[in-house]
Amino acid sequence: FPVTVFHNPACGTSRNVVAAIRQVGREPEVVEYLKSGW
C-alpha cells in the first residue's frame, strides 16, 4: 500500500503525518519537496 508524503521536516504538522503513517504500519516514501522541487 504505497504512501507518498510531500514533506517539510521543519513543519510539525508534516512530522505528525509521517509519524501517523508509521504508527499504522506503513513506511511512506518521503519527498522533501523543498530540496527536490516540483
PDB file of all heavy atoms in Angstrom:
ATOM      1  N   PHE A   1       0.868  -1.175   0.000  1.00  0.00           N
ATOM      2  CA  PHE A   1       0.000   0.000   0.000  1.00  0.00           C
ATOM      3  C   PHE A   1       0.907   1.228   0.000  1.00  0.00           C
ATOM      4  O   PHE A   1       1.314   1.722   1.044  1.00  0.00           O
ATOM      5  CB  PHE A   1      -0.924   0.008   1.229  1.00  0.00           C
ATOM      6  CG  PHE A   1      -1.966   1.101   1.159  1.00  0.00           C
ATOM      7  CD1 PHE A   1      -3.150   0.889   0.472  1.00  0.00           C
ATOM      8  CD2 PHE A   1      -1.741   2.336   1.740  1.00  0.00           C
ATOM      9  CE1 PHE A   1      -4.105   1.900   0.393  1.00  0.00           C
ATOM     10  CE2 PHE A   1      -2.684   3.348   1.670  1.00  0.00           C
ATOM     11  CZ  PHE A   1      -3.876   3.131   0.990  1.00  0.00           C
ATOM     12  N   PRO A   2       1.258   1.697  -1.195  1.00  0.00           N
ATOM     13  CA  PRO A   2       2.221   2.797  -1.273  1.00  0.00           C
ATOM     14  C   PRO A   2       1.651   4.113  -0.744  1.00  0.00           C
ATOM     15  O   PRO A   2       0.502   4.454  -0.993  1.00  0.00           O
ATOM     16  CB  PRO A   2       2.532   2.903  -2.768  1.00  0.00           C
ATOM     17  CG  PRO A   2       1.361   2.287  -3.451  1.00  0.00           C
ATOM     18  CD  PRO A   2       0.820   1.240  -2.510  1.00  0.00           C
ATOM     19  N   VAL A   3       2.492   4.805   0.024  1.00  0.00           N
ATOM     20  CA  VAL A   3       2.143   6.097   0.599  1.00  0.00           C
ATOM     21  C   VAL A   3       3.299   7.049   0.310  1.00  0.00           C
ATOM     22  O   VAL A   3       4.447   6.747   0.644  1.00  0.00           O
ATOM     23  CB  VAL A   3       1.935   6.013   2.123  1.00  0.00           C
ATOM     24  CG1 VAL A   3       1.580   7.376   2.701  1.00  0.00           C
ATOM     25  CG2 VAL A   3       0.880   4.979   2.487  1.00  0.00           C
ATOM     26  N   THR A   4       2.986   8.174  -0.294  1.00  0.00           N
ATOM     27  CA  THR A   4       3.994   9.208  -0.538  1.00  0.00           C
ATOM     28  C   THR A   4       3.593  10.449   0.230  1.00  0.00           C
ATOM     29  O   THR A   4       2.441  10.879   0.172  1.00  0.00           O
ATOM     30  CB  THR A   4       4.104   9.536  -2.046  1.00  0.00           C
ATOM     31  OG1 THR A   4       4.433   8.341  -2.752  1.00  0.00           O
ATOM     32  CG2 THR A   4       5.172  10.585  -2.302  1.00  0.00           C
ATOM     33  N   VAL A   5       4.561  11.006   0.951  1.00  0.00           N
ATOM     34  CA  VAL A   5       4.337  12.241   1.700  1.00  0.00           C
ATOM     35  C   VAL A   5       5.265  13.311   1.130  1.00  0.00           C
ATOM     36  O   VAL A   5       6.486  13.137   1.126  1.00  0.00           O
ATOM     37  CB  VAL A   5       4.628  12.068   3.200  1.00  0.00           C
ATOM     38  CG1 VAL A   5       4.395  13.387   3.941  1.00  0.00           C
ATOM     39  CG2 VAL A   5       3.789  10.966   3.790  1.00  0.00           C
ATOM     40  N   PHE A   6       4.681  14.387   0.662  1.00  0.00           N
ATOM     41  CA  PHE A   6       5.444  15.553   0.237  1.00  0.00           C
ATOM     42  C   PHE A   6       5.617  16.381   1.508  1.00  0.00           C
ATOM     43  O   PHE A   6       4.671  16.973   2.023  1.00  0.00           O
ATOM     44  CB  PHE A   6       4.724  16.289  -0.890  1.00  0.00           C
ATOM     45  CG  PHE A   6       4.627  15.430  -2.122  1.00  0.00           C
ATOM     46  CD1 PHE A   6       3.533  14.603  -2.327  1.00  0.00           C
ATOM     47  CD2 PHE A   6       5.663  15.405  -3.044  1.00  0.00           C
ATOM     48  CE1 PHE A   6       3.450  13.782  -3.437  1.00  0.00           C
ATOM     49  CE2 PHE A   6       5.596  14.574  -4.162  1.00  0.00           C
ATOM     50  CZ  PHE A   6       4.492  13.771  -4.360  1.00  0.00           C
ATOM     51  N   HIS A   7       6.834  16.376   2.022  1.00  0.00           N
ATOM     52  CA  HIS A   7       7.149  16.654   3.426  1.00  0.00           C
ATOM     53  C   HIS A   7       8.130  17.811   3.572  1.00  0.00           C
ATOM     54  O   HIS A   7       9.037  17.981   2.762  1.00  0.00           O
ATOM     55  CB  HIS A   7       7.757  15.364   3.984  1.00  0.00           C
ATOM     56  CG  HIS A   7       8.282  15.411   5.367  1.00  0.00           C
ATOM     57  ND1 HIS A   7       7.497  15.651   6.463  1.00  0.00           N
ATOM     58  CD2 HIS A   7       9.538  15.210   5.854  1.00  0.00           C
ATOM     59  CE1 HIS A   7       8.242  15.589   7.564  1.00  0.00           C
ATOM     60  NE2 HIS A   7       9.479  15.333   7.213  1.00  0.00           N
ATOM     61  N   ASN A   8       7.935  18.564   4.657  1.00  0.00           N
ATOM     62  CA  ASN A   8       8.901  19.556   5.105  1.00  0.00           C
ATOM     63  C   ASN A   8       9.252  19.178   6.541  1.00  0.00           C
ATOM     64  O   ASN A   8       8.408  19.301   7.432  1.00  0.00           O
ATOM     65  CB  ASN A   8       8.306  20.967   5.042  1.00  0.00           C
ATOM     66  CG  ASN A   8       9.261  22.017   5.554  1.00  0.00           C
ATOM     67  OD1 ASN A   8      10.297  21.727   6.135  1.00  0.00           O
ATOM     68  ND2 ASN A   8       8.913  23.269   5.338  1.00  0.00           N
ATOM     69  N   PRO A   9      10.468  18.692   6.783  1.00  0.00           N
ATOM     70  CA  PRO A   9      10.817  18.223   8.119  1.00  0.00           C
ATOM     71  C   PRO A   9      10.806  19.326   9.180  1.00  0.00           C
ATOM     72  O   PRO A   9      10.755  19.028  10.377  1.00  0.00           O
ATOM     73  CB  PRO A   9      12.209  17.621   7.951  1.00  0.00           C
ATOM     74  CG  PRO A   9      12.740  18.206   6.688  1.00  0.00           C
ATOM     75  CD  PRO A   9      11.555  18.502   5.821  1.00  0.00           C
ATOM     76  N   ALA A  10      10.796  20.588   8.787  1.00  0.00           N
ATOM     77  CA  ALA A  10      10.734  21.695   9.745  1.00  0.00           C
ATOM     78  C   ALA A  10       9.308  21.972  10.215  1.00  0.00           C
ATOM     79  O   ALA A  10       9.095  22.763  11.125  1.00  0.00           O
ATOM     80  CB  ALA A  10      11.331  22.961   9.120  1.00  0.00           C
ATOM     81  N   CYS A  11       8.331  21.306   9.614  1.00  0.00           N
ATOM     82  CA  CYS A  11       6.914  21.548   9.908  1.00  0.00           C
ATOM     83  C   CYS A  11       6.377  20.469  10.852  1.00  0.00           C
ATOM     84  O   CYS A  11       6.442  19.273  10.543  1.00  0.00           O
ATOM     85  CB  CYS A  11       6.130  21.541   8.600  1.00  0.00           C
ATOM     86  SG  CYS A  11       4.346  21.571   8.791  1.00  0.00           S
ATOM     87  N   GLY A  12       5.831  20.902  11.997  1.00  0.00           N
ATOM     88  CA  GLY A  12       5.277  19.957  12.957  1.00  0.00           C
ATOM     89  C   GLY A  12       4.133  19.140  12.400  1.00  0.00           C
ATOM     90  O   GLY A  12       4.027  17.941  12.668  1.00  0.00           O
ATOM     91  N   THR A  13       3.261  19.759  11.624  1.00  0.00           N
ATOM     92  CA  THR A  13       2.147  19.023  11.017  1.00  0.00           C
ATOM     93  C   THR A  13       2.674  17.934  10.096  1.00  0.00           C
ATOM     94  O   THR A  13       2.193  16.794  10.119  1.00  0.00           O
ATOM     95  CB  THR A  13       1.212  19.976  10.248  1.00  0.00           C
ATOM     96  OG1 THR A  13       0.718  20.964  11.153  1.00  0.00           O
ATOM     97  CG2 THR A  13       0.055  19.228   9.613  1.00  0.00           C
ATOM     98  N   SER A  14       3.679  18.264   9.325  1.00  0.00           N
ATOM     99  CA  SER A  14       4.265  17.291   8.413  1.00  0.00           C
ATOM    100  C   SER A  14       4.916  16.141   9.186  1.00  0.00           C
ATOM    101  O   SER A  14       4.733  14.964   8.842  1.00  0.00           O
ATOM    102  CB  SER A  14       5.286  18.003   7.514  1.00  0.00           C
ATOM    103  OG  SER A  14       5.523  17.289   6.340  1.00  0.00           O
ATOM    104  N   ARG A  15       5.618  16.458  10.245  1.00  0.00           N
ATOM    105  CA  ARG A  15       6.231  15.396  11.075  1.00  0.00           C
ATOM    106  C   ARG A  15       5.162  14.518  11.700  1.00  0.00           C
ATOM    107  O   ARG A  15       5.314  13.286  11.766  1.00  0.00           O
ATOM    108  CB  ARG A  15       7.130  16.001  12.157  1.00  0.00           C
ATOM    109  CG  ARG A  15       8.394  16.645  11.613  1.00  0.00           C
ATOM    110  CD  ARG A  15       9.368  17.010  12.726  1.00  0.00           C
ATOM    111  NE  ARG A  15       8.802  17.852  13.762  1.00  0.00           N
ATOM    112  CZ  ARG A  15       8.789  19.184  13.754  1.00  0.00           C
ATOM    113  NH1 ARG A  15       9.325  19.839  12.735  1.00  0.00           N
ATOM    114  NH2 ARG A  15       8.254  19.863  14.768  1.00  0.00           N
ATOM    115  N   ASN A  16       4.062  15.121  12.162  1.00  0.00           N
ATOM    116  CA  ASN A  16       2.963  14.333  12.733  1.00  0.00           C
ATOM    117  C   ASN A  16       2.386  13.367  11.715  1.00  0.00           C
ATOM    118  O   ASN A  16       2.031  12.230  12.048  1.00  0.00           O
ATOM    119  CB  ASN A  16       1.858  15.255  13.258  1.00  0.00           C
ATOM    120  CG  ASN A  16       2.179  15.857  14.602  1.00  0.00           C
ATOM    121  OD1 ASN A  16       2.790  15.226  15.448  1.00  0.00           O
ATOM    122  ND2 ASN A  16       1.769  17.099  14.797  1.00  0.00           N
ATOM    123  N   VAL A  17       2.257  13.807  10.483  1.00  0.00           N
ATOM    124  CA  VAL A  17       1.697  12.948   9.436  1.00  0.00           C
ATOM    125  C   VAL A  17       2.605  11.752   9.174  1.00  0.00           C
ATOM    126  O   VAL A  17       2.136  10.611   9.091  1.00  0.00           O
ATOM    127  CB  VAL A  17       1.424  13.758   8.150  1.00  0.00           C
ATOM    128  CG1 VAL A  17       1.216  12.847   6.952  1.00  0.00           C
ATOM    129  CG2 VAL A  17       0.225  14.666   8.362  1.00  0.00           C
ATOM    130  N   VAL A  18       3.892  11.981   9.068  1.00  0.00           N
ATOM    131  CA  VAL A  18       4.826  10.867   8.855  1.00  0.00           C
ATOM    132  C   VAL A  18       4.736   9.899  10.031  1.00  0.00           C
ATOM    133  O   VAL A  18       4.683   8.677   9.843  1.00  0.00           O
ATOM    134  CB  VAL A  18       6.263  11.383   8.631  1.00  0.00           C
ATOM    135  CG1 VAL A  18       7.262  10.233   8.633  1.00  0.00           C
ATOM    136  CG2 VAL A  18       6.350  12.161   7.307  1.00  0.00           C
ATOM    137  N   ALA A  19       4.686  10.415  11.252  1.00  0.00           N
ATOM    138  CA  ALA A  19       4.574   9.550  12.441  1.00  0.00           C
ATOM    139  C   ALA A  19       3.268   8.758  12.424  1.00  0.00           C
ATOM    140  O   ALA A  19       3.258   7.567  12.766  1.00  0.00           O
ATOM    141  CB  ALA A  19       4.670  10.396  13.708  1.00  0.00           C
ATOM    142  N   ALA A  20       2.167   9.396  12.030  1.00  0.00           N
ATOM    143  CA  ALA A  20       0.868   8.707  11.986  1.00  0.00           C
ATOM    144  C   ALA A  20       0.889   7.566  10.979  1.00  0.00           C
ATOM    145  O   ALA A  20       0.356   6.480  11.239  1.00  0.00           O
ATOM    146  CB  ALA A  20      -0.235   9.701  11.635  1.00  0.00           C
ATOM    147  N   ILE A  21       1.498   7.794   9.847  1.00  0.00           N
ATOM    148  CA  ILE A  21       1.589   6.747   8.821  1.00  0.00           C
ATOM    149  C   ILE A  21       2.394   5.568   9.348  1.00  0.00           C
ATOM    150  O   ILE A  21       1.995   4.411   9.190  1.00  0.00           O
ATOM    151  CB  ILE A  21       2.203   7.320   7.528  1.00  0.00           C
ATOM    152  CG1 ILE A  21       1.263   8.359   6.913  1.00  0.00           C
ATOM    153  CG2 ILE A  21       2.524   6.198   6.543  1.00  0.00           C
ATOM    154  CD1 ILE A  21       1.898   9.219   5.843  1.00  0.00           C
ATOM    155  N   ARG A  22       3.480   5.868  10.002  1.00  0.00           N
ATOM    156  CA  ARG A  22       4.313   4.800  10.564  1.00  0.00           C
ATOM    157  C   ARG A  22       3.590   4.080  11.700  1.00  0.00           C
ATOM    158  O   ARG A  22       3.753   2.866  11.861  1.00  0.00           O
ATOM    159  CB  ARG A  22       5.645   5.371  11.025  1.00  0.00           C
ATOM    160  CG  ARG A  22       6.516   5.763   9.842  1.00  0.00           C
ATOM    161  CD  ARG A  22       7.842   6.347  10.247  1.00  0.00           C
ATOM    162  NE  ARG A  22       8.668   6.532   9.050  1.00  0.00           N
ATOM    163  CZ  ARG A  22       9.540   7.530   8.897  1.00  0.00           C
ATOM    164  NH1 ARG A  22       9.738   8.396   9.880  1.00  0.00           N
ATOM    165  NH2 ARG A  22      10.223   7.624   7.774  1.00  0.00           N
ATOM    166  N   GLN A  23       2.784   4.795  12.462  1.00  0.00           N
ATOM    167  CA  GLN A  23       2.038   4.178  13.569  1.00  0.00           C
ATOM    168  C   GLN A  23       1.108   3.083  13.065  1.00  0.00           C
ATOM    169  O   GLN A  23       0.880   2.097  13.761  1.00  0.00           O
ATOM    170  CB  GLN A  23       1.230   5.234  14.333  1.00  0.00           C
ATOM    171  CG  GLN A  23       0.420   4.638  15.471  1.00  0.00           C
ATOM    172  CD  GLN A  23      -0.367   5.673  16.245  1.00  0.00           C
ATOM    173  OE1 GLN A  23       0.110   6.763  16.500  1.00  0.00           O
ATOM    174  NE2 GLN A  23      -1.591   5.331  16.621  1.00  0.00           N
ATOM    175  N   VAL A  24       0.567   3.244  11.867  1.00  0.00           N
ATOM    176  CA  VAL A  24      -0.343   2.221  11.336  1.00  0.00           C
ATOM    177  C   VAL A  24       0.398   1.161  10.517  1.00  0.00           C
ATOM    178  O   VAL A  24      -0.221   0.358   9.835  1.00  0.00           O
ATOM    179  CB  VAL A  24      -1.509   2.843  10.514  1.00  0.00           C
ATOM    180  CG1 VAL A  24      -2.361   3.733  11.397  1.00  0.00           C
ATOM    181  CG2 VAL A  24      -1.012   3.563   9.284  1.00  0.00           C
ATOM    182  N   GLY A  25       1.723   1.155  10.589  1.00  0.00           N
ATOM    183  CA  GLY A  25       2.496   0.094   9.968  1.00  0.00           C
ATOM    184  C   GLY A  25       2.860   0.301   8.517  1.00  0.00           C
ATOM    185  O   GLY A  25       3.244  -0.652   7.837  1.00  0.00           O
ATOM    186  N   ARG A  26       2.767   1.512   8.053  1.00  0.00           N
ATOM    187  CA  ARG A  26       3.158   1.820   6.672  1.00  0.00           C
ATOM    188  C   ARG A  26       4.443   2.636   6.700  1.00  0.00           C
ATOM    189  O   ARG A  26       4.619   3.488   7.568  1.00  0.00           O
ATOM    190  CB  ARG A  26       2.072   2.617   5.943  1.00  0.00           C
ATOM    191  CG  ARG A  26       0.744   1.902   5.849  1.00  0.00           C
ATOM    192  CD  ARG A  26       0.838   0.748   4.870  1.00  0.00           C
ATOM    193  NE  ARG A  26      -0.406   0.013   4.786  1.00  0.00           N
ATOM    194  CZ  ARG A  26      -0.545  -1.248   5.148  1.00  0.00           C
ATOM    195  NH1 ARG A  26       0.485  -1.915   5.610  1.00  0.00           N
ATOM    196  NH2 ARG A  26      -1.695  -1.850   5.031  1.00  0.00           N
ATOM    197  N   GLU A  27       5.320   2.388   5.764  1.00  0.00           N
ATOM    198  CA  GLU A  27       6.542   3.179   5.640  1.00  0.00           C
ATOM    199  C   GLU A  27       6.406   4.052   4.402  1.00  0.00           C
ATOM    200  O   GLU A  27       6.421   3.563   3.276  1.00  0.00           O
ATOM    201  CB  GLU A  27       7.781   2.287   5.530  1.00  0.00           C
ATOM    202  CG  GLU A  27       9.093   3.057   5.525  1.00  0.00           C
ATOM    203  CD  GLU A  27       9.263   3.976   6.741  1.00  0.00           C
ATOM    204  OE1 GLU A  27       8.889   3.595   7.879  1.00  0.00           O
ATOM    205  OE2 GLU A  27       9.774   5.085   6.545  1.00  0.00           O
ATOM    206  N   PRO A  28       6.233   5.359   4.609  1.00  0.00           N
ATOM    207  CA  PRO A  28       5.997   6.236   3.473  1.00  0.00           C
ATOM    208  C   PRO A  28       7.268   6.533   2.682  1.00  0.00           C
ATOM    209  O   PRO A  28       8.376   6.520   3.232  1.00  0.00           O
ATOM    210  CB  PRO A  28       5.488   7.519   4.134  1.00  0.00           C
ATOM    211  CG  PRO A  28       6.180   7.543   5.461  1.00  0.00           C
ATOM    212  CD  PRO A  28       6.220   6.086   5.882  1.00  0.00           C
ATOM    213  N   GLU A  29       7.069   6.808   1.411  1.00  0.00           N
ATOM    214  CA  GLU A  29       8.123   7.436   0.628  1.00  0.00           C
ATOM    215  C   GLU A  29       8.035   8.918   0.985  1.00  0.00           C
ATOM    216  O   GLU A  29       6.991   9.539   0.816  1.00  0.00           O
ATOM    217  CB  GLU A  29       7.904   7.243  -0.872  1.00  0.00           C
ATOM    218  CG  GLU A  29       8.928   7.982  -1.705  1.00  0.00           C
ATOM    219  CD  GLU A  29       8.649   7.934  -3.188  1.00  0.00           C
ATOM    220  OE1 GLU A  29       7.712   7.239  -3.624  1.00  0.00           O
ATOM    221  OE2 GLU A  29       9.372   8.629  -3.929  1.00  0.00           O
ATOM    222  N   VAL A  30       9.113   9.448   1.508  1.00  0.00           N
ATOM    223  CA  VAL A  30       9.125  10.836   1.950  1.00  0.00           C
ATOM    224  C   VAL A  30       9.861  11.664   0.906  1.00  0.00           C
ATOM    225  O   VAL A  30      11.021  11.402   0.600  1.00  0.00           O
ATOM    226  CB  VAL A  30       9.806  10.971   3.330  1.00  0.00           C
ATOM    227  CG1 VAL A  30       9.927  12.436   3.736  1.00  0.00           C
ATOM    228  CG2 VAL A  30       9.020  10.181   4.375  1.00  0.00           C
ATOM    229  N   VAL A  31       9.164  12.645   0.361  1.00  0.00           N
ATOM    230  CA  VAL A  31       9.738  13.538  -0.638  1.00  0.00           C
ATOM    231  C   VAL A  31       9.896  14.910   0.008  1.00  0.00           C
ATOM    232  O   VAL A  31       8.902  15.562   0.336  1.00  0.00           O
ATOM    233  CB  VAL A  31       8.833  13.645  -1.889  1.00  0.00           C
ATOM    234  CG1 VAL A  31       9.413  14.634  -2.890  1.00  0.00           C
ATOM    235  CG2 VAL A  31       8.617  12.275  -2.508  1.00  0.00           C
ATOM    236  N   GLU A  32      11.131  15.310   0.222  1.00  0.00           N
ATOM    237  CA  GLU A  32      11.398  16.637   0.768  1.00  0.00           C
ATOM    238  C   GLU A  32      11.367  17.626  -0.399  1.00  0.00           C
ATOM    239  O   GLU A  32      12.380  17.919  -1.016  1.00  0.00           O
ATOM    240  CB  GLU A  32      12.718  16.663   1.516  1.00  0.00           C
ATOM    241  CG  GLU A  32      12.667  15.877   2.808  1.00  0.00           C
ATOM    242  CD  GLU A  32      13.902  16.061   3.674  1.00  0.00           C
ATOM    243  OE1 GLU A  32      14.481  17.168   3.668  1.00  0.00           O
ATOM    244  OE2 GLU A  32      14.268  15.088   4.348  1.00  0.00           O
ATOM    245  N   TYR A  33      10.185  18.129  -0.657  1.00  0.00           N
ATOM    246  CA  TYR A  33       9.958  18.916  -1.862  1.00  0.00           C
ATOM    247  C   TYR A  33      10.710  20.244  -1.880  1.00  0.00           C
ATOM    248  O   TYR A  33      10.931  20.802  -2.948  1.00  0.00           O
ATOM    249  CB  TYR A  33       8.458  19.134  -2.092  1.00  0.00           C
ATOM    250  CG  TYR A  33       7.805  20.012  -1.049  1.00  0.00           C
ATOM    251  CD1 TYR A  33       7.740  21.386  -1.219  1.00  0.00           C
ATOM    252  CD2 TYR A  33       7.274  19.468   0.106  1.00  0.00           C
ATOM    253  CE1 TYR A  33       7.152  22.188  -0.258  1.00  0.00           C
ATOM    254  CE2 TYR A  33       6.685  20.261   1.061  1.00  0.00           C
ATOM    255  CZ  TYR A  33       6.633  21.635   0.868  1.00  0.00           C
ATOM    256  OH  TYR A  33       6.056  22.425   1.821  1.00  0.00           O
ATOM    257  N   LEU A  34      11.138  20.729  -0.725  1.00  0.00           N
ATOM    258  CA  LEU A  34      11.939  21.957  -0.731  1.00  0.00           C
ATOM    259  C   LEU A  34      13.317  21.693  -1.328  1.00  0.00           C
ATOM    260  O   LEU A  34      13.947  22.602  -1.868  1.00  0.00           O
ATOM    261  CB  LEU A  34      12.070  22.535   0.674  1.00  0.00           C
ATOM    262  CG  LEU A  34      10.779  23.078   1.279  1.00  0.00           C
ATOM    263  CD1 LEU A  34      11.020  23.565   2.705  1.00  0.00           C
ATOM    264  CD2 LEU A  34      10.180  24.190   0.427  1.00  0.00           C
ATOM    265  N   LYS A  35      13.779  20.448  -1.238  1.00  0.00           N
ATOM    266  CA  LYS A  35      15.055  20.055  -1.845  1.00  0.00           C
ATOM    267  C   LYS A  35      14.865  19.610  -3.291  1.00  0.00           C
ATOM    268  O   LYS A  35      15.636  19.976  -4.171  1.00  0.00           O
ATOM    269  CB  LYS A  35      15.706  18.918  -1.054  1.00  0.00           C
ATOM    270  CG  LYS A  35      16.179  19.312   0.319  1.00  0.00           C
ATOM    271  CD  LYS A  35      16.797  18.106   1.016  1.00  0.00           C
ATOM    272  CE  LYS A  35      17.247  18.442   2.426  1.00  0.00           C
ATOM    273  NZ  LYS A  35      17.800  17.261   3.104  1.00  0.00           N
ATOM    274  N   SER A  36      13.855  18.777  -3.513  1.00  0.00           N
ATOM    275  CA  SER A  36      13.668  18.184  -4.846  1.00  0.00           C
ATOM    276  C   SER A  36      12.926  19.100  -5.804  1.00  0.00           C
ATOM    277  O   SER A  36      13.050  18.969  -7.015  1.00  0.00           O
ATOM    278  CB  SER A  36      12.926  16.857  -4.740  1.00  0.00           C
ATOM    279  OG  SER A  36      11.608  17.065  -4.239  1.00  0.00           O
ATOM    280  N   GLY A  37      12.130  20.012  -5.255  1.00  0.00           N
ATOM    281  CA  GLY A  37      11.322  20.893  -6.098  1.00  0.00           C
ATOM    282  C   GLY A  37      10.083  20.184  -6.611  1.00  0.00           C
ATOM    283  O   GLY A  37       9.798  19.039  -6.257  1.00  0.00           O
ATOM    284  N   TRP A  38       9.341  20.915  -7.418  1.00  0.00           N
ATOM    285  CA  TRP A  38       8.108  20.412  -8.028  1.00  0.00           C
ATOM    286  C   TRP A  38       8.231  20.479  -9.534  1.00  0.00           C
ATOM    287  O   TRP A  38       8.952  21.309 -10.061  1.00  0.00           O
ATOM    288  CB  TRP A  38       6.915  21.285  -7.625  1.00  0.00           C
ATOM    289  CG  TRP A  38       6.558  21.246  -6.190  1.00  0.00           C
ATOM    290  CD1 TRP A  38       6.854  22.187  -5.253  1.00  0.00           C
ATOM    291  CD2 TRP A  38       5.832  20.221  -5.510  1.00  0.00           C
ATOM    292  NE1 TRP A  38       6.349  21.810  -4.030  1.00  0.00           N
ATOM    293  CE2 TRP A  38       5.717  20.610  -4.166  1.00  0.00           C
ATOM    294  CE3 TRP A  38       5.262  19.020  -5.919  1.00  0.00           C
ATOM    295  CZ2 TRP A  38       5.057  19.847  -3.214  1.00  0.00           C
ATOM    296  CZ3 TRP A  38       4.602  18.261  -4.974  1.00  0.00           C
ATOM    297  CH2 TRP A  38       4.504  18.664  -3.646  1.00  0.00           C
TER     298      TRP A  38
END
